[in-house]
Amino acid sequence: YRVGTRVYYLSPGHMTDLETLLELLDLTGGRPHELVRRAHELSRS
């Protein structure tokens, strides 16, 4: 997905960095517990 001039490629099993997670928080309307849970599920699979 694209944020400004930067493009991120997210895939299952790839741990996203903190900056990407924070930007995802903005995009998802600020639901941190849901987003973090989803990210952990992806990183474990």
N, C-alpha and C. Protein backbone atom coordinates (compact mmCIF):
# COMPACT_ATOMS: atom_id res chain seq x y z
N TYR A 1 0.84 -1.19 0.00
CA TYR A 1 0.00 0.00 0.00
C TYR A 1 0.88 1.25 0.00
N ARG A 2 0.30 2.37 -0.40
CA ARG A 2 1.10 3.58 -0.56
C ARG A 2 0.77 4.60 0.52
N VAL A 3 1.78 5.18 1.12
CA VAL A 3 1.60 6.26 2.09
C VAL A 3 2.47 7.42 1.64
N GLY A 4 1.85 8.47 1.10
CA GLY A 4 2.64 9.58 0.59
C GLY A 4 3.49 9.13 -0.58
N THR A 5 4.81 9.31 -0.45
CA THR A 5 5.70 8.91 -1.53
C THR A 5 6.37 7.58 -1.25
N ARG A 6 6.00 6.97 -0.12
CA ARG A 6 6.62 5.70 0.25
C ARG A 6 5.66 4.56 0.00
N VAL A 7 6.18 3.44 -0.43
CA VAL A 7 5.36 2.26 -0.70
C VAL A 7 5.82 1.13 0.20
N TYR A 8 4.87 0.50 0.88
CA TYR A 8 5.19 -0.62 1.77
C TYR A 8 4.61 -1.90 1.19
N TYR A 9 5.37 -2.99 1.29
CA TYR A 9 4.87 -4.29 0.88
C TYR A 9 4.78 -5.16 2.12
N LEU A 10 3.54 -5.49 2.49
CA LEU A 10 3.33 -6.31 3.68
C LEU A 10 2.92 -7.71 3.25
N SER A 11 3.53 -8.71 3.86
CA SER A 11 3.18 -10.08 3.55
C SER A 11 3.18 -10.90 4.83
N PRO A 12 2.37 -11.97 4.89
CA PRO A 12 2.34 -12.83 6.07
C PRO A 12 3.74 -13.35 6.39
N GLY A 13 4.09 -13.34 7.67
CA GLY A 13 5.40 -13.81 8.08
C GLY A 13 6.46 -12.73 8.09
N HIS A 14 6.10 -11.54 7.59
CA HIS A 14 7.06 -10.43 7.57
C HIS A 14 6.72 -9.46 8.68
N MET A 15 7.64 -9.30 9.63
CA MET A 15 7.39 -8.40 10.75
C MET A 15 7.59 -6.96 10.31
N THR A 16 6.51 -6.18 10.36
CA THR A 16 6.61 -4.78 9.97
C THR A 16 7.33 -3.98 11.04
N ASP A 17 7.99 -2.92 10.63
CA ASP A 17 8.69 -2.09 11.61
C ASP A 17 7.72 -1.16 12.32
N LEU A 18 8.21 -0.52 13.37
CA LEU A 18 7.34 0.29 14.22
C LEU A 18 6.73 1.46 13.45
N GLU A 19 7.52 2.08 12.60
CA GLU A 19 7.03 3.23 11.84
C GLU A 19 5.85 2.84 10.96
N THR A 20 5.97 1.67 10.31
CA THR A 20 4.88 1.20 9.47
C THR A 20 3.64 0.92 10.30
N LEU A 21 3.82 0.32 11.46
CA LEU A 21 2.68 0.05 12.34
C LEU A 21 1.99 1.34 12.77
N LEU A 22 2.79 2.36 13.08
CA LEU A 22 2.21 3.63 13.51
C LEU A 22 1.43 4.28 12.37
N GLU A 23 1.93 4.17 11.14
CA GLU A 23 1.21 4.74 10.00
C GLU A 23 -0.05 3.94 9.73
N LEU A 24 0.02 2.62 9.91
CA LEU A 24 -1.18 1.80 9.78
C LEU A 24 -2.23 2.19 10.81
N LEU A 25 -1.78 2.55 12.01
CA LEU A 25 -2.71 3.01 13.03
C LEU A 25 -3.50 4.22 12.55
N ASP A 26 -2.81 5.17 11.92
CA ASP A 26 -3.49 6.33 11.36
C ASP A 26 -4.51 5.91 10.31
N LEU A 27 -4.11 5.00 9.44
CA LEU A 27 -4.98 4.59 8.34
C LEU A 27 -6.20 3.82 8.83
N THR A 28 -6.04 3.09 9.93
CA THR A 28 -7.15 2.26 10.42
C THR A 28 -8.03 3.01 11.40
N GLY A 29 -7.78 4.30 11.59
CA GLY A 29 -8.65 5.09 12.45
C GLY A 29 -8.34 4.94 13.93
N GLY A 30 -7.14 4.44 14.25
CA GLY A 30 -6.72 4.39 15.64
C GLY A 30 -7.37 3.29 16.46
N ARG A 31 -7.26 2.04 15.97
CA ARG A 31 -7.72 0.90 16.79
C ARG A 31 -6.51 0.04 17.08
N PRO A 32 -5.66 0.46 18.04
CA PRO A 32 -4.36 -0.18 18.24
C PRO A 32 -4.44 -1.64 18.64
N HIS A 33 -5.38 -1.98 19.53
CA HIS A 33 -5.44 -3.36 20.00
C HIS A 33 -5.79 -4.30 18.86
N GLU A 34 -6.70 -3.89 17.99
CA GLU A 34 -7.07 -4.73 16.85
C GLU A 34 -5.91 -4.86 15.87
N LEU A 35 -5.24 -3.74 15.60
CA LEU A 35 -4.15 -3.75 14.64
C LEU A 35 -2.97 -4.58 15.12
N VAL A 36 -2.62 -4.41 16.40
CA VAL A 36 -1.48 -5.15 16.95
C VAL A 36 -1.78 -6.64 16.97
N ARG A 37 -3.01 -7.01 17.33
CA ARG A 37 -3.38 -8.42 17.34
C ARG A 37 -3.27 -9.01 15.93
N ARG A 38 -3.73 -8.26 14.94
CA ARG A 38 -3.64 -8.73 13.55
C ARG A 38 -2.20 -8.89 13.11
N ALA A 39 -1.36 -7.93 13.50
CA ALA A 39 0.05 -7.98 13.11
C ALA A 39 0.75 -9.18 13.73
N HIS A 40 0.42 -9.47 15.00
CA HIS A 40 1.03 -10.62 15.66
C HIS A 40 0.60 -11.92 15.01
N GLU A 41 -0.67 -12.00 14.61
CA GLU A 41 -1.16 -13.20 13.94
C GLU A 41 -0.42 -13.41 12.62
N LEU A 42 -0.20 -12.33 11.87
CA LEU A 42 0.50 -12.43 10.60
C LEU A 42 1.95 -12.84 10.80
N SER A 43 2.59 -12.30 11.84
CA SER A 43 4.00 -12.58 12.04
C SER A 43 4.22 -14.02 12.52
N ARG A 44 3.21 -14.61 13.15
CA ARG A 44 3.35 -15.98 13.65
C ARG A 44 3.07 -17.01 12.56
N SER A 45 2.24 -16.66 11.60
CA SER A 45 1.83 -17.64 10.58
C SER A 45 2.94 -17.91 9.57
